[in-house]
Each structure stands twice: as C-alpha cells, then as structure tokens.
N, C-alpha and C. Protein backbone atom coordinates (compact mmCIF):
# COMPACT_ATOMS: atom_id res chain seq x y z
N MET A 1 16.11 -34.19 -13.99
CA MET A 1 14.73 -33.89 -13.69
C MET A 1 14.58 -32.39 -13.43
N PRO A 2 13.68 -31.71 -14.16
CA PRO A 2 13.53 -30.26 -13.98
C PRO A 2 12.95 -29.95 -12.61
N THR A 3 13.42 -28.84 -12.08
CA THR A 3 12.89 -28.40 -10.79
C THR A 3 12.01 -27.18 -11.01
N THR A 4 11.02 -27.07 -10.17
CA THR A 4 10.16 -25.89 -10.25
C THR A 4 10.71 -24.83 -9.32
N PRO A 5 10.59 -23.56 -9.70
CA PRO A 5 11.11 -22.51 -8.83
C PRO A 5 10.39 -22.53 -7.49
N ARG A 6 11.16 -22.33 -6.46
CA ARG A 6 10.60 -22.32 -5.12
C ARG A 6 9.83 -21.02 -4.89
N ARG A 7 8.65 -21.13 -4.34
CA ARG A 7 7.85 -19.95 -4.04
C ARG A 7 8.39 -19.28 -2.78
N THR A 8 8.38 -17.97 -2.81
CA THR A 8 8.83 -17.22 -1.65
C THR A 8 7.74 -17.27 -0.58
N ARG A 9 8.15 -17.61 0.62
CA ARG A 9 7.19 -17.64 1.72
C ARG A 9 6.67 -16.23 1.98
N SER A 10 5.44 -16.16 2.49
CA SER A 10 4.84 -14.84 2.71
C SER A 10 5.63 -14.04 3.75
N ASP A 11 6.16 -14.69 4.78
CA ASP A 11 6.93 -13.94 5.78
C ASP A 11 8.23 -13.42 5.18
N ALA A 12 8.82 -14.18 4.24
CA ALA A 12 10.03 -13.71 3.57
C ALA A 12 9.72 -12.50 2.69
N ARG A 13 8.58 -12.54 2.00
CA ARG A 13 8.17 -11.38 1.19
C ARG A 13 7.93 -10.17 2.08
N GLN A 14 7.28 -10.39 3.21
CA GLN A 14 7.01 -9.28 4.13
C GLN A 14 8.31 -8.70 4.68
N ASN A 15 9.26 -9.58 5.02
CA ASN A 15 10.56 -9.10 5.50
C ASN A 15 11.25 -8.25 4.45
N ARG A 16 11.21 -8.73 3.20
CA ARG A 16 11.84 -8.01 2.11
C ARG A 16 11.19 -6.63 1.93
N GLU A 17 9.87 -6.59 1.94
CA GLU A 17 9.15 -5.32 1.78
C GLU A 17 9.47 -4.36 2.92
N ARG A 18 9.51 -4.88 4.15
CA ARG A 18 9.84 -4.04 5.31
C ARG A 18 11.26 -3.49 5.17
N LEU A 19 12.18 -4.35 4.77
CA LEU A 19 13.57 -3.90 4.58
C LEU A 19 13.64 -2.79 3.54
N LEU A 20 12.93 -2.94 2.44
CA LEU A 20 12.97 -1.92 1.39
C LEU A 20 12.37 -0.61 1.85
N GLU A 21 11.27 -0.68 2.57
CA GLU A 21 10.64 0.55 3.06
C GLU A 21 11.55 1.27 4.04
N VAL A 22 12.10 0.54 4.99
CA VAL A 22 12.99 1.14 5.98
C VAL A 22 14.25 1.68 5.29
N ALA A 23 14.83 0.90 4.39
CA ALA A 23 16.05 1.33 3.71
C ALA A 23 15.82 2.62 2.94
N ALA A 24 14.72 2.71 2.19
CA ALA A 24 14.45 3.92 1.42
C ALA A 24 14.33 5.12 2.35
N GLN A 25 13.65 4.95 3.45
CA GLN A 25 13.47 6.04 4.40
C GLN A 25 14.81 6.43 5.03
N VAL A 26 15.58 5.44 5.45
CA VAL A 26 16.86 5.72 6.11
C VAL A 26 17.85 6.37 5.15
N PHE A 27 17.97 5.83 3.94
CA PHE A 27 18.91 6.42 2.98
C PHE A 27 18.48 7.83 2.59
N ALA A 28 17.18 8.09 2.51
CA ALA A 28 16.70 9.43 2.18
C ALA A 28 16.99 10.41 3.31
N GLU A 29 16.86 9.95 4.54
CA GLU A 29 17.04 10.85 5.69
C GLU A 29 18.49 10.95 6.15
N GLN A 30 19.26 9.85 6.04
CA GLN A 30 20.60 9.82 6.65
C GLN A 30 21.73 9.58 5.67
N GLY A 31 21.40 9.31 4.42
CA GLY A 31 22.45 9.06 3.43
C GLY A 31 23.08 7.69 3.60
N LEU A 32 24.29 7.58 3.10
CA LEU A 32 24.99 6.29 3.06
C LEU A 32 25.61 5.86 4.38
N ASP A 33 25.64 6.74 5.36
CA ASP A 33 26.38 6.45 6.59
C ASP A 33 25.73 5.40 7.48
N THR A 34 24.49 5.07 7.26
CA THR A 34 23.81 4.12 8.12
C THR A 34 24.29 2.70 7.83
N ALA A 35 24.62 1.99 8.88
CA ALA A 35 25.08 0.60 8.74
C ALA A 35 23.90 -0.30 8.37
N PRO A 36 24.14 -1.27 7.49
CA PRO A 36 23.08 -2.21 7.14
C PRO A 36 22.46 -2.89 8.37
N ALA A 37 23.27 -3.15 9.39
CA ALA A 37 22.74 -3.78 10.61
C ALA A 37 21.68 -2.90 11.27
N ALA A 38 21.87 -1.58 11.21
CA ALA A 38 20.88 -0.66 11.79
C ALA A 38 19.58 -0.69 10.99
N ILE A 39 19.69 -0.82 9.67
CA ILE A 39 18.50 -0.92 8.83
C ILE A 39 17.75 -2.21 9.14
N ALA A 40 18.50 -3.32 9.25
CA ALA A 40 17.87 -4.60 9.57
C ALA A 40 17.16 -4.53 10.91
N LYS A 41 17.82 -3.94 11.89
CA LYS A 41 17.22 -3.84 13.23
C LYS A 41 15.94 -3.00 13.19
N GLN A 42 15.99 -1.88 12.51
CA GLN A 42 14.80 -1.02 12.41
C GLN A 42 13.67 -1.73 11.68
N ALA A 43 14.01 -2.60 10.72
CA ALA A 43 12.99 -3.35 9.98
C ALA A 43 12.50 -4.55 10.76
N GLY A 44 13.16 -4.85 11.89
CA GLY A 44 12.73 -5.98 12.72
C GLY A 44 13.18 -7.33 12.21
N VAL A 45 14.30 -7.35 11.48
CA VAL A 45 14.84 -8.61 10.98
C VAL A 45 16.33 -8.68 11.32
N GLY A 46 16.89 -9.85 11.19
CA GLY A 46 18.30 -10.02 11.43
C GLY A 46 19.12 -9.54 10.24
N VAL A 47 20.39 -9.23 10.50
CA VAL A 47 21.26 -8.76 9.43
C VAL A 47 21.47 -9.85 8.38
N GLY A 48 21.41 -11.12 8.79
CA GLY A 48 21.52 -12.22 7.83
C GLY A 48 20.37 -12.19 6.83
N THR A 49 19.18 -11.85 7.29
CA THR A 49 18.03 -11.73 6.39
C THR A 49 18.26 -10.62 5.39
N LEU A 50 18.80 -9.50 5.85
CA LEU A 50 19.09 -8.39 4.95
C LEU A 50 20.06 -8.86 3.86
N TYR A 51 21.16 -9.49 4.26
CA TYR A 51 22.17 -9.89 3.26
C TYR A 51 21.69 -11.05 2.39
N ARG A 52 20.78 -11.84 2.87
CA ARG A 52 20.22 -12.91 2.04
C ARG A 52 19.42 -12.32 0.87
N HIS A 53 18.71 -11.26 1.16
CA HIS A 53 17.93 -10.59 0.11
C HIS A 53 18.78 -9.63 -0.72
N PHE A 54 19.70 -8.94 -0.06
CA PHE A 54 20.49 -7.88 -0.70
C PHE A 54 21.96 -8.04 -0.32
N PRO A 55 22.74 -8.73 -1.16
CA PRO A 55 24.12 -9.05 -0.79
C PRO A 55 25.05 -7.84 -0.68
N THR A 56 24.67 -6.71 -1.29
CA THR A 56 25.49 -5.50 -1.21
C THR A 56 24.62 -4.31 -0.85
N ARG A 57 25.27 -3.29 -0.34
CA ARG A 57 24.56 -2.04 -0.03
C ARG A 57 23.93 -1.47 -1.29
N GLU A 58 24.65 -1.55 -2.41
CA GLU A 58 24.13 -1.03 -3.68
C GLU A 58 22.88 -1.77 -4.13
N ALA A 59 22.87 -3.09 -3.92
CA ALA A 59 21.68 -3.88 -4.28
C ALA A 59 20.48 -3.45 -3.44
N LEU A 60 20.72 -3.17 -2.16
CA LEU A 60 19.65 -2.70 -1.27
C LEU A 60 19.14 -1.33 -1.70
N ILE A 61 20.05 -0.42 -2.00
CA ILE A 61 19.66 0.93 -2.43
C ILE A 61 18.85 0.86 -3.72
N ASP A 62 19.36 0.11 -4.69
CA ASP A 62 18.68 -0.01 -5.98
C ASP A 62 17.29 -0.60 -5.80
N ALA A 63 17.17 -1.67 -5.02
CA ALA A 63 15.87 -2.31 -4.80
C ALA A 63 14.91 -1.38 -4.07
N ALA A 64 15.42 -0.61 -3.10
CA ALA A 64 14.56 0.33 -2.35
C ALA A 64 14.04 1.41 -3.29
N TYR A 65 14.91 1.93 -4.14
CA TYR A 65 14.48 2.94 -5.10
C TYR A 65 13.47 2.36 -6.09
N GLN A 66 13.76 1.17 -6.62
CA GLN A 66 12.86 0.54 -7.59
C GLN A 66 11.48 0.29 -6.97
N ARG A 67 11.46 -0.10 -5.70
CA ARG A 67 10.19 -0.33 -5.02
C ARG A 67 9.39 0.97 -4.93
N ARG A 68 10.06 2.06 -4.53
CA ARG A 68 9.36 3.35 -4.43
C ARG A 68 8.82 3.78 -5.79
N LEU A 69 9.63 3.61 -6.82
CA LEU A 69 9.21 3.96 -8.17
C LEU A 69 8.00 3.13 -8.60
N THR A 70 8.07 1.84 -8.37
CA THR A 70 6.96 0.96 -8.74
C THR A 70 5.69 1.33 -8.00
N LEU A 71 5.81 1.60 -6.71
CA LEU A 71 4.62 1.95 -5.92
C LEU A 71 3.96 3.23 -6.42
N VAL A 72 4.77 4.26 -6.74
CA VAL A 72 4.16 5.50 -7.21
C VAL A 72 3.53 5.31 -8.58
N CYS A 73 4.12 4.48 -9.41
CA CYS A 73 3.54 4.24 -10.74
C CYS A 73 2.26 3.41 -10.66
N GLU A 74 2.24 2.40 -9.80
CA GLU A 74 1.03 1.59 -9.63
C GLU A 74 -0.11 2.39 -9.03
N LYS A 75 0.23 3.41 -8.26
CA LYS A 75 -0.78 4.23 -7.60
C LYS A 75 -1.68 4.92 -8.63
N ALA A 76 -1.17 5.21 -9.82
CA ALA A 76 -1.98 5.87 -10.85
C ALA A 76 -3.22 5.04 -11.16
N THR A 77 -3.04 3.76 -11.33
CA THR A 77 -4.17 2.86 -11.62
C THR A 77 -5.04 2.68 -10.38
N ASP A 78 -4.41 2.56 -9.23
CA ASP A 78 -5.15 2.32 -7.98
C ASP A 78 -6.08 3.48 -7.62
N LEU A 79 -5.73 4.69 -8.02
CA LEU A 79 -6.52 5.87 -7.66
C LEU A 79 -7.75 6.08 -8.53
N LEU A 80 -7.81 5.46 -9.69
CA LEU A 80 -8.89 5.73 -10.64
C LEU A 80 -10.27 5.22 -10.22
N PRO A 81 -10.40 4.02 -9.69
CA PRO A 81 -11.76 3.56 -9.35
C PRO A 81 -12.44 4.47 -8.32
N GLY A 82 -13.66 4.87 -8.65
CA GLY A 82 -14.45 5.65 -7.70
C GLY A 82 -14.23 7.14 -7.73
N ARG A 83 -13.41 7.63 -8.64
CA ARG A 83 -13.20 9.08 -8.73
C ARG A 83 -12.93 9.46 -10.18
N SER A 84 -13.05 10.74 -10.45
CA SER A 84 -12.76 11.19 -11.81
C SER A 84 -11.26 11.11 -12.06
N ALA A 85 -10.89 11.11 -13.33
CA ALA A 85 -9.47 11.07 -13.67
C ALA A 85 -8.76 12.33 -13.16
N ALA A 86 -9.44 13.46 -13.18
CA ALA A 86 -8.83 14.69 -12.66
C ALA A 86 -8.55 14.57 -11.17
N GLU A 87 -9.49 14.02 -10.41
CA GLU A 87 -9.27 13.81 -8.97
C GLU A 87 -8.14 12.82 -8.73
N ALA A 88 -8.11 11.75 -9.51
CA ALA A 88 -7.06 10.74 -9.37
C ALA A 88 -5.70 11.34 -9.72
N THR A 89 -5.67 12.19 -10.75
CA THR A 89 -4.42 12.82 -11.16
C THR A 89 -3.90 13.74 -10.08
N ARG A 90 -4.77 14.51 -9.47
CA ARG A 90 -4.36 15.42 -8.38
C ARG A 90 -3.79 14.61 -7.22
N ALA A 91 -4.46 13.52 -6.85
CA ALA A 91 -3.97 12.67 -5.76
C ALA A 91 -2.63 12.04 -6.14
N TRP A 92 -2.50 11.61 -7.39
CA TRP A 92 -1.25 11.00 -7.84
C TRP A 92 -0.09 12.00 -7.78
N MET A 93 -0.38 13.23 -8.13
CA MET A 93 0.67 14.25 -8.09
C MET A 93 1.23 14.42 -6.68
N THR A 94 0.37 14.35 -5.68
CA THR A 94 0.83 14.42 -4.29
C THR A 94 1.75 13.24 -3.99
N ASP A 95 1.35 12.03 -4.40
CA ASP A 95 2.20 10.85 -4.20
C ASP A 95 3.52 11.00 -4.95
N PHE A 96 3.46 11.51 -6.17
CA PHE A 96 4.67 11.72 -6.95
C PHE A 96 5.63 12.66 -6.22
N LEU A 97 5.12 13.71 -5.62
CA LEU A 97 5.98 14.65 -4.90
C LEU A 97 6.65 13.99 -3.70
N HIS A 98 5.94 13.09 -3.02
CA HIS A 98 6.57 12.34 -1.92
C HIS A 98 7.69 11.46 -2.47
N TYR A 99 7.43 10.80 -3.58
CA TYR A 99 8.43 9.96 -4.24
C TYR A 99 9.64 10.80 -4.64
N ALA A 100 9.40 11.94 -5.28
CA ALA A 100 10.50 12.78 -5.77
C ALA A 100 11.33 13.32 -4.61
N THR A 101 10.68 13.66 -3.51
CA THR A 101 11.39 14.14 -2.33
C THR A 101 12.28 13.04 -1.76
N ALA A 102 11.74 11.83 -1.67
CA ALA A 102 12.53 10.69 -1.16
C ALA A 102 13.68 10.40 -2.11
N LYS A 103 13.42 10.45 -3.41
CA LYS A 103 14.47 10.20 -4.40
C LYS A 103 15.58 11.23 -4.25
N SER A 104 15.22 12.48 -4.04
CA SER A 104 16.21 13.52 -3.86
C SER A 104 17.05 13.25 -2.62
N GLY A 105 16.39 12.81 -1.55
CA GLY A 105 17.11 12.49 -0.33
C GLY A 105 18.04 11.31 -0.51
N MET A 106 17.69 10.42 -1.43
CA MET A 106 18.51 9.24 -1.69
C MET A 106 19.60 9.49 -2.72
N SER A 107 19.77 10.73 -3.18
CA SER A 107 20.67 10.99 -4.31
C SER A 107 22.09 10.50 -4.05
N GLU A 108 22.62 10.71 -2.86
CA GLU A 108 23.97 10.24 -2.55
C GLU A 108 24.03 8.71 -2.65
N ALA A 109 23.02 8.06 -2.12
CA ALA A 109 22.98 6.59 -2.17
C ALA A 109 22.82 6.11 -3.61
N LEU A 110 21.97 6.77 -4.38
CA LEU A 110 21.78 6.37 -5.78
C LEU A 110 23.04 6.61 -6.61
N ASN A 111 23.79 7.65 -6.28
CA ASN A 111 25.06 7.89 -6.96
C ASN A 111 26.05 6.75 -6.69
N ALA A 112 26.00 6.18 -5.48
CA ALA A 112 26.86 5.03 -5.17
C ALA A 112 26.46 3.83 -6.02
N VAL A 113 25.16 3.67 -6.27
CA VAL A 113 24.70 2.58 -7.13
C VAL A 113 25.21 2.78 -8.55
N ILE A 114 25.13 4.00 -9.04
CA ILE A 114 25.61 4.31 -10.39
C ILE A 114 27.11 4.04 -10.48
N ALA A 115 27.85 4.43 -9.45
CA ALA A 115 29.30 4.20 -9.44
C ALA A 115 29.64 2.70 -9.47
N SER A 116 28.72 1.87 -8.98
CA SER A 116 28.96 0.42 -9.00
C SER A 116 28.65 -0.20 -10.36
N GLY A 117 28.17 0.62 -11.30
CA GLY A 117 27.90 0.12 -12.65
C GLY A 117 26.45 -0.22 -12.93
N VAL A 118 25.56 0.10 -12.02
CA VAL A 118 24.13 -0.18 -12.20
C VAL A 118 23.41 1.14 -12.45
N ASP A 119 22.47 1.14 -13.39
CA ASP A 119 21.69 2.35 -13.66
C ASP A 119 20.31 2.20 -13.03
N PRO A 120 20.11 2.78 -11.84
CA PRO A 120 18.81 2.64 -11.18
C PRO A 120 17.68 3.35 -11.93
N TYR A 121 18.02 4.25 -12.83
CA TYR A 121 17.03 5.04 -13.54
C TYR A 121 16.66 4.46 -14.91
N ALA A 122 17.20 3.32 -15.25
CA ALA A 122 17.03 2.76 -16.60
C ALA A 122 15.56 2.68 -17.01
N ASP A 123 14.68 2.29 -16.13
CA ASP A 123 13.26 2.12 -16.46
C ASP A 123 12.37 3.24 -15.95
N SER A 124 12.95 4.21 -15.25
CA SER A 124 12.15 5.25 -14.60
C SER A 124 11.26 6.02 -15.55
N HIS A 125 11.82 6.51 -16.64
CA HIS A 125 11.05 7.33 -17.56
C HIS A 125 9.88 6.55 -18.14
N ALA A 126 10.13 5.33 -18.57
CA ALA A 126 9.06 4.52 -19.17
C ALA A 126 7.95 4.23 -18.15
N LEU A 127 8.33 3.91 -16.93
CA LEU A 127 7.32 3.62 -15.91
C LEU A 127 6.50 4.87 -15.56
N LEU A 128 7.18 6.00 -15.41
CA LEU A 128 6.47 7.23 -15.06
C LEU A 128 5.59 7.73 -16.20
N THR A 129 6.08 7.68 -17.44
CA THR A 129 5.22 8.12 -18.54
C THR A 129 4.04 7.17 -18.71
N GLY A 130 4.24 5.90 -18.41
CA GLY A 130 3.12 4.95 -18.45
C GLY A 130 2.06 5.29 -17.43
N ALA A 131 2.50 5.63 -16.21
CA ALA A 131 1.55 5.98 -15.15
C ALA A 131 0.77 7.24 -15.51
N VAL A 132 1.47 8.27 -15.96
CA VAL A 132 0.79 9.51 -16.33
C VAL A 132 -0.11 9.26 -17.54
N GLY A 133 0.35 8.45 -18.47
CA GLY A 133 -0.46 8.12 -19.64
C GLY A 133 -1.77 7.45 -19.25
N THR A 134 -1.72 6.59 -18.25
CA THR A 134 -2.94 5.95 -17.75
C THR A 134 -3.93 7.00 -17.27
N LEU A 135 -3.44 7.97 -16.52
CA LEU A 135 -4.30 9.03 -16.00
C LEU A 135 -4.84 9.91 -17.12
N LEU A 136 -3.97 10.27 -18.07
CA LEU A 136 -4.41 11.12 -19.18
C LEU A 136 -5.45 10.42 -20.06
N ARG A 137 -5.26 9.14 -20.31
CA ARG A 137 -6.25 8.39 -21.11
C ARG A 137 -7.58 8.31 -20.38
N ALA A 138 -7.52 8.09 -19.07
CA ALA A 138 -8.77 8.06 -18.29
C ALA A 138 -9.45 9.43 -18.32
N GLY A 139 -8.65 10.49 -18.27
CA GLY A 139 -9.20 11.84 -18.35
C GLY A 139 -9.81 12.16 -19.70
N ALA A 140 -9.23 11.62 -20.76
CA ALA A 140 -9.81 11.80 -22.10
C ALA A 140 -11.13 11.05 -22.18
N GLN A 141 -11.20 9.88 -21.56
CA GLN A 141 -12.44 9.09 -21.60
C GLN A 141 -13.56 9.73 -20.79
N ASP A 142 -13.22 10.24 -19.59
CA ASP A 142 -14.31 10.80 -18.78
C ASP A 142 -14.48 12.31 -18.98
N GLY A 143 -13.62 12.92 -19.84
CA GLY A 143 -13.78 14.33 -20.17
C GLY A 143 -13.28 15.29 -19.12
N THR A 144 -12.52 14.82 -18.14
CA THR A 144 -12.08 15.73 -17.07
C THR A 144 -10.69 16.31 -17.31
N LEU A 145 -9.94 15.77 -18.27
CA LEU A 145 -8.59 16.28 -18.54
C LEU A 145 -8.44 16.63 -20.02
N ARG A 146 -7.58 17.59 -20.27
CA ARG A 146 -7.28 17.98 -21.65
C ARG A 146 -6.68 16.81 -22.40
N THR A 147 -6.85 16.84 -23.69
CA THR A 147 -6.31 15.76 -24.53
C THR A 147 -5.10 16.22 -25.35
N ASP A 148 -4.71 17.47 -25.19
CA ASP A 148 -3.61 18.00 -26.00
C ASP A 148 -2.29 18.11 -25.24
N VAL A 149 -2.14 17.36 -24.16
CA VAL A 149 -0.88 17.32 -23.41
C VAL A 149 -0.35 15.88 -23.42
N THR A 150 0.94 15.75 -23.23
CA THR A 150 1.55 14.42 -23.22
C THR A 150 2.03 14.08 -21.81
N SER A 151 2.32 12.83 -21.62
CA SER A 151 2.90 12.38 -20.34
C SER A 151 4.19 13.12 -20.06
N ASP A 152 5.01 13.29 -21.10
CA ASP A 152 6.28 14.01 -20.91
C ASP A 152 6.05 15.45 -20.47
N ASP A 153 5.01 16.11 -21.01
CA ASP A 153 4.69 17.47 -20.59
C ASP A 153 4.41 17.51 -19.09
N VAL A 154 3.56 16.60 -18.65
CA VAL A 154 3.16 16.56 -17.25
C VAL A 154 4.37 16.25 -16.36
N LEU A 155 5.19 15.28 -16.76
CA LEU A 155 6.35 14.92 -15.94
C LEU A 155 7.37 16.05 -15.86
N LEU A 156 7.55 16.77 -16.95
CA LEU A 156 8.47 17.90 -16.92
C LEU A 156 7.97 18.96 -15.94
N LEU A 157 6.69 19.25 -15.99
CA LEU A 157 6.12 20.22 -15.05
C LEU A 157 6.19 19.71 -13.61
N MET A 158 5.93 18.42 -13.42
CA MET A 158 6.01 17.85 -12.07
C MET A 158 7.44 17.88 -11.55
N GLY A 159 8.41 17.72 -12.44
CA GLY A 159 9.81 17.83 -12.03
C GLY A 159 10.12 19.21 -11.49
N GLY A 160 9.58 20.22 -12.14
CA GLY A 160 9.76 21.59 -11.66
C GLY A 160 9.10 21.80 -10.31
N ILE A 161 7.93 21.23 -10.14
CA ILE A 161 7.24 21.35 -8.85
C ILE A 161 8.03 20.60 -7.77
N ALA A 162 8.56 19.43 -8.11
CA ALA A 162 9.37 18.68 -7.14
C ALA A 162 10.59 19.49 -6.73
N TYR A 163 11.17 20.21 -7.67
CA TYR A 163 12.29 21.09 -7.35
C TYR A 163 11.87 22.13 -6.32
N SER A 164 10.66 22.66 -6.47
CA SER A 164 10.18 23.69 -5.53
C SER A 164 9.99 23.11 -4.13
N VAL A 165 9.67 21.83 -4.04
CA VAL A 165 9.52 21.20 -2.72
C VAL A 165 10.87 21.20 -2.02
N ARG A 166 11.94 20.91 -2.77
CA ARG A 166 13.27 20.85 -2.17
C ARG A 166 13.81 22.24 -1.83
N HIS A 167 13.42 23.26 -2.59
CA HIS A 167 14.00 24.58 -2.42
C HIS A 167 12.99 25.65 -2.03
N GLY A 168 11.75 25.27 -1.88
CA GLY A 168 10.71 26.20 -1.48
C GLY A 168 9.96 25.63 -0.29
N THR A 169 8.65 25.72 -0.35
CA THR A 169 7.83 25.20 0.74
C THR A 169 6.81 24.21 0.19
N LYS A 170 6.27 23.41 1.07
CA LYS A 170 5.21 22.48 0.67
C LYS A 170 3.97 23.25 0.23
N GLU A 171 3.72 24.38 0.86
CA GLU A 171 2.57 25.20 0.48
C GLU A 171 2.73 25.71 -0.95
N GLN A 172 3.94 26.14 -1.28
CA GLN A 172 4.20 26.60 -2.64
C GLN A 172 4.00 25.45 -3.62
N ALA A 173 4.51 24.28 -3.28
CA ALA A 173 4.34 23.11 -4.16
C ALA A 173 2.85 22.81 -4.35
N GLY A 174 2.07 22.90 -3.29
CA GLY A 174 0.63 22.67 -3.39
C GLY A 174 -0.04 23.66 -4.34
N ARG A 175 0.37 24.92 -4.25
CA ARG A 175 -0.18 25.93 -5.16
C ARG A 175 0.21 25.63 -6.60
N LEU A 176 1.44 25.18 -6.81
CA LEU A 176 1.90 24.87 -8.16
C LEU A 176 1.16 23.66 -8.73
N VAL A 177 0.87 22.66 -7.89
CA VAL A 177 0.08 21.52 -8.34
C VAL A 177 -1.33 21.99 -8.70
N ASP A 178 -1.88 22.89 -7.90
CA ASP A 178 -3.21 23.43 -8.23
C ASP A 178 -3.19 24.16 -9.58
N LEU A 179 -2.13 24.94 -9.83
CA LEU A 179 -2.02 25.62 -11.12
C LEU A 179 -1.90 24.62 -12.27
N LEU A 180 -1.12 23.58 -12.07
CA LEU A 180 -0.98 22.55 -13.11
C LEU A 180 -2.32 21.87 -13.35
N MET A 181 -3.04 21.55 -12.29
CA MET A 181 -4.35 20.92 -12.46
C MET A 181 -5.32 21.86 -13.16
N ASP A 182 -5.25 23.15 -12.87
CA ASP A 182 -6.09 24.12 -13.59
C ASP A 182 -5.77 24.07 -15.09
N ALA A 183 -4.50 23.96 -15.42
CA ALA A 183 -4.10 23.90 -16.83
C ALA A 183 -4.55 22.59 -17.47
N LEU A 184 -4.46 21.50 -16.74
CA LEU A 184 -4.85 20.20 -17.29
C LEU A 184 -6.36 20.06 -17.46
N THR A 185 -7.11 20.77 -16.64
CA THR A 185 -8.57 20.66 -16.70
C THR A 185 -9.20 21.88 -17.37
N LYS A 186 -8.38 22.70 -17.99
CA LYS A 186 -8.85 23.92 -18.64
C LYS A 186 -9.94 23.60 -19.66
N ASP A 187 -10.95 24.40 -19.64
CA ASP A 187 -12.04 24.25 -20.60
C ASP A 187 -11.51 24.55 -22.00
N GLN A 188 -11.47 23.54 -22.84
CA GLN A 188 -10.88 23.66 -24.17
C GLN A 188 -11.75 24.48 -25.12
N THR A 189 -13.00 24.69 -24.78
CA THR A 189 -13.88 25.47 -25.67
C THR A 189 -13.74 26.96 -25.46
N ALA A 190 -12.97 27.38 -24.44
CA ALA A 190 -12.83 28.80 -24.13
C ALA A 190 -11.88 29.51 -25.06
N ASN A 191 -11.19 28.81 -25.95
CA ASN A 191 -10.21 29.43 -26.85
C ASN A 191 -10.84 30.31 -27.87
C-alpha cells in the first residue's frame, strides 16, 4: 500500500528555519569553531533537533548557505510590487551586499563543505542571474532600467562592490552602488 509523504509540522519548519538563520550568522561571525550544541541552544532548540534536521556539520553549513542564497534571490521578486524596477533593484543590491558579506564570513565553513565532496555553489550562478534578470526585465517593462546590460554584467559589478565591503567601508560600497545604479538608469537617448 503506497504511503503519502508526511507533512512537516509548522513548529518543525520554524525550528529548521531558526537553526539555519542562527547557523549562518554564527558560521559567518565565528567560523567552524562553534559547537553544534551552541548553535542549537542559541536557536532555542535541543541538539537532537539540530541533528535530526542536519546530521553533519557540513549539511548544516550547506543548508544555511542555500537558505541565505534563496532568500536573497526571492527578494528580487518581493521588492517589485509597489515600486519601480530601479527602486527595487537598488534595494535588492543592498540585500545582495548583506548576503555577500555573510558568504564571505562563511568561507572557511563553506570550504569544509567543499572538502566533504558537496558543491554549495552549484546553483548559485543560475539563481542569482535569475533574480537579476527578473529585475532587469521589470526595468525594461517600466522603462526605468537600461536594456543593454545582462544579469552577468550586473553580478560581476556587484561582486566588485561586495569586495569593497570586505576591504573598504560600507560608505564606499554605498557610493559604488549609487554609481552602478546611475549606469543602469542612464538615459539611453543621451548618446
């Protein structure tokens, strides 16, 4: 007799989400040295709950990174209602910089995931270009963004800005985002 998949209880989903949020923050700030029990305690769950969801440290790191990536990519669509595509793109860039900073902080932890044979970045490029593509298409429709740039162009420039956050100041990064937005919203008839 076939069985139907069991639905995850809402409290179990909430526990999982809390664990992922805390883990991403802890790994970004403290690296690999934090004990899983400390992450579980900070998330307000037992260590058994942590291991039930994530049997290894690498599984927890990978899931925390994937969650952050998914959230920043979904934000592109979430920001569009009620504002122009240019405004949504500017707001998304700020979220992207938070994501990139956290990812940089998690680099040691993500390297441990890679060493275990898992590629946490396998879907990153496709998800990020999809998110930027959503914003660029909306900008083409509402006329607020240039149509002669690609998602890859924007992501490459955002990567450079993310680098400046790690090695410069947040103020400098803000100025660079403003410059990028000026380029993306440049009046195309001025040529």
